[in-house]
Every structure is written in C-alpha cells, then in structure tokens.
N, C-alpha and C. Protein backbone atom coordinates (compact mmCIF):
# COMPACT_ATOMS: atom_id res chain seq x y z
N UNK A 1 132.14 53.71 112.48
CA UNK A 1 132.11 55.05 113.02
C UNK A 1 131.05 55.91 112.33
N UNK A 2 130.90 55.87 111.01
CA UNK A 2 129.87 56.70 110.38
C UNK A 2 128.46 56.35 110.87
N UNK A 3 128.21 55.09 111.15
CA UNK A 3 126.88 54.69 111.63
C UNK A 3 126.62 55.30 113.00
N UNK A 4 127.62 55.27 113.85
CA UNK A 4 127.48 55.84 115.19
C UNK A 4 127.21 57.35 115.11
N UNK A 5 127.90 58.02 114.21
CA UNK A 5 127.69 59.46 114.05
C UNK A 5 126.29 59.75 113.52
N UNK A 6 125.85 58.97 112.56
CA UNK A 6 124.51 59.16 112.00
C UNK A 6 123.43 58.91 113.05
N UNK A 7 123.60 57.86 113.85
CA UNK A 7 122.63 57.57 114.91
C UNK A 7 122.62 58.67 115.96
N UNK A 8 123.78 59.22 116.25
CA UNK A 8 123.85 60.31 117.24
C UNK A 8 123.17 61.57 116.71
N UNK A 9 123.38 61.87 115.45
CA UNK A 9 122.75 63.05 114.85
C UNK A 9 121.23 62.89 114.80
N UNK A 10 120.76 61.68 114.53
CA UNK A 10 119.32 61.42 114.41
C UNK A 10 118.63 61.22 115.76
N UNK A 11 119.36 61.28 116.85
CA UNK A 11 118.79 61.01 118.17
C UNK A 11 117.55 61.82 118.50
N UNK A 12 117.49 63.10 118.20
CA UNK A 12 116.27 63.86 118.52
C UNK A 12 115.07 63.45 117.67
N UNK A 13 115.30 62.68 116.64
CA UNK A 13 114.24 62.31 115.71
C UNK A 13 113.88 60.83 115.78
N UNK A 14 113.98 60.23 116.96
CA UNK A 14 113.69 58.80 117.11
C UNK A 14 112.28 58.45 116.64
N UNK A 15 111.31 59.29 116.95
CA UNK A 15 109.92 59.02 116.54
C UNK A 15 109.80 59.07 115.03
N UNK A 16 110.41 60.07 114.42
CA UNK A 16 110.36 60.21 112.96
C UNK A 16 111.08 59.03 112.30
N UNK A 17 112.22 58.64 112.84
CA UNK A 17 112.96 57.52 112.28
C UNK A 17 112.15 56.23 112.37
N UNK A 18 111.44 56.02 113.47
CA UNK A 18 110.64 54.81 113.60
C UNK A 18 109.48 54.82 112.61
N UNK A 19 108.93 55.99 112.32
CA UNK A 19 107.85 56.08 111.33
C UNK A 19 108.37 55.84 109.92
N UNK A 20 109.58 56.29 109.63
CA UNK A 20 110.18 56.01 108.33
C UNK A 20 110.40 54.52 108.16
N UNK A 21 110.88 53.87 109.21
CA UNK A 21 111.09 52.42 109.15
C UNK A 21 109.75 51.71 108.94
N UNK A 22 108.69 52.19 109.58
CA UNK A 22 107.36 51.59 109.40
C UNK A 22 106.92 51.63 107.94
N UNK A 23 107.32 52.65 107.22
CA UNK A 23 106.97 52.75 105.81
C UNK A 23 107.64 51.66 104.98
N UNK A 24 108.80 51.19 105.43
CA UNK A 24 109.53 50.18 104.68
C UNK A 24 109.24 48.75 105.13
N UNK A 25 108.57 48.58 106.25
CA UNK A 25 108.28 47.24 106.77
C UNK A 25 107.57 46.36 105.75
N UNK A 26 106.55 46.83 105.04
CA UNK A 26 105.90 45.96 104.05
C UNK A 26 106.84 45.51 102.93
N UNK A 27 107.80 46.33 102.59
CA UNK A 27 108.75 45.97 101.54
C UNK A 27 109.76 44.94 102.00
N UNK A 28 109.97 44.86 103.30
CA UNK A 28 110.97 43.95 103.85
C UNK A 28 110.38 42.63 104.33
N UNK A 29 109.08 42.48 104.21
CA UNK A 29 108.41 41.26 104.67
C UNK A 29 109.02 40.03 103.99
N UNK A 30 109.39 39.06 104.80
CA UNK A 30 109.96 37.83 104.27
C UNK A 30 111.46 37.87 104.07
N UNK A 31 112.11 38.97 104.41
CA UNK A 31 113.56 39.06 104.29
C UNK A 31 114.19 38.99 105.67
N UNK A 32 115.49 38.88 105.69
CA UNK A 32 116.18 38.83 106.99
C UNK A 32 116.14 40.17 107.72
N UNK A 33 115.83 41.24 107.00
CA UNK A 33 115.77 42.57 107.59
C UNK A 33 114.43 42.86 108.26
N UNK A 34 113.44 42.00 108.07
CA UNK A 34 112.10 42.23 108.61
C UNK A 34 112.11 42.31 110.14
N UNK A 35 112.86 41.45 110.78
CA UNK A 35 112.91 41.44 112.25
C UNK A 35 113.55 42.73 112.77
N UNK A 36 114.61 43.16 112.11
CA UNK A 36 115.28 44.40 112.52
C UNK A 36 114.35 45.59 112.31
N UNK A 37 113.68 45.63 111.18
CA UNK A 37 112.76 46.73 110.91
C UNK A 37 111.62 46.75 111.91
N UNK A 38 111.07 45.59 112.25
CA UNK A 38 109.99 45.53 113.24
C UNK A 38 110.46 46.07 114.59
N UNK A 39 111.69 45.76 114.94
CA UNK A 39 112.24 46.24 116.21
C UNK A 39 112.41 47.76 116.19
N UNK A 40 112.83 48.31 115.07
CA UNK A 40 113.10 49.75 115.00
C UNK A 40 111.86 50.58 114.75
N UNK A 41 110.69 49.96 114.67
CA UNK A 41 109.46 50.74 114.56
C UNK A 41 109.03 51.30 115.91
N UNK A 42 109.69 50.87 116.97
CA UNK A 42 109.41 51.37 118.32
C UNK A 42 110.43 52.45 118.66
N UNK A 43 110.00 53.68 118.91
CA UNK A 43 110.95 54.77 119.17
C UNK A 43 111.89 54.51 120.34
N UNK A 44 111.44 53.77 121.34
CA UNK A 44 112.29 53.50 122.51
C UNK A 44 113.45 52.56 122.21
N UNK A 45 113.43 51.89 121.08
CA UNK A 45 114.50 50.97 120.74
C UNK A 45 115.70 51.66 120.09
N UNK A 46 115.52 52.88 119.60
CA UNK A 46 116.62 53.60 118.98
C UNK A 46 117.74 53.92 119.96
N UNK A 47 117.46 54.34 121.21
CA UNK A 47 118.57 54.55 122.15
C UNK A 47 119.33 53.26 122.44
N UNK A 48 118.63 52.14 122.48
CA UNK A 48 119.31 50.87 122.70
C UNK A 48 120.25 50.54 121.54
N UNK A 49 119.82 50.84 120.33
CA UNK A 49 120.69 50.63 119.17
C UNK A 49 121.94 51.51 119.25
N UNK A 50 121.75 52.77 119.63
CA UNK A 50 122.91 53.65 119.79
C UNK A 50 123.87 53.11 120.86
N UNK A 51 123.32 52.60 121.96
CA UNK A 51 124.16 52.04 123.02
C UNK A 51 124.93 50.82 122.53
N UNK A 52 124.27 49.97 121.75
CA UNK A 52 124.95 48.77 121.22
C UNK A 52 126.09 49.15 120.28
N UNK A 53 125.85 50.09 119.41
CA UNK A 53 126.89 50.53 118.48
C UNK A 53 128.04 51.17 119.24
N UNK A 54 127.72 51.99 120.22
CA UNK A 54 128.75 52.66 121.01
C UNK A 54 129.59 51.65 121.79
N UNK A 55 128.96 50.65 122.39
CA UNK A 55 129.71 49.64 123.15
C UNK A 55 130.59 48.82 122.22
N UNK A 56 130.13 48.56 121.02
CA UNK A 56 130.93 47.83 120.03
C UNK A 56 132.18 48.64 119.64
N UNK A 57 131.99 49.92 119.45
CA UNK A 57 133.12 50.78 119.10
C UNK A 57 134.14 50.87 120.23
N UNK A 58 133.67 50.89 121.46
CA UNK A 58 134.58 50.96 122.61
C UNK A 58 135.38 49.68 122.76
N UNK A 59 134.76 48.54 122.43
CA UNK A 59 135.50 47.26 122.51
C UNK A 59 136.58 47.17 121.45
N UNK A 60 136.36 47.81 120.31
CA UNK A 60 137.35 47.76 119.23
C UNK A 60 138.57 48.63 119.55
N UNK A 61 138.39 49.64 120.41
CA UNK A 61 139.52 50.52 120.75
C UNK A 61 140.41 49.85 121.73
C-alpha cells in the first residue's frame, strides 16, 4: 500500500522521476535492478507501473 500511495503522489512528476532513475542507471549496471531501471527511464512507463501495482492490490482484496 505505501508504494501505491507514493506512486500516486509522484504521478505529476513522471518526467522528473525518470530522470532521477537515469542518474542511478550507471550504478545499477550488472545488477538485477538494471532492467527495471532501464524501463523506468521512460516517462510513459510510470503509469503502467502504477496500473500494475493497483491491479495487484485489487487482487489481494
């Protein structure tokens, strides 16, 4: 639930969030998080992440 709330609050800042993730991509190179970080460098992928988290929460209820 806290992740869903944080993603919802950050929704207007998708571009800024993707730029922040871009700053960490070089640090994550070679780790399992590299693929996730590469995906989140695209601002259009943030709404999809919110939808996935929301659908997961609805299935748990």
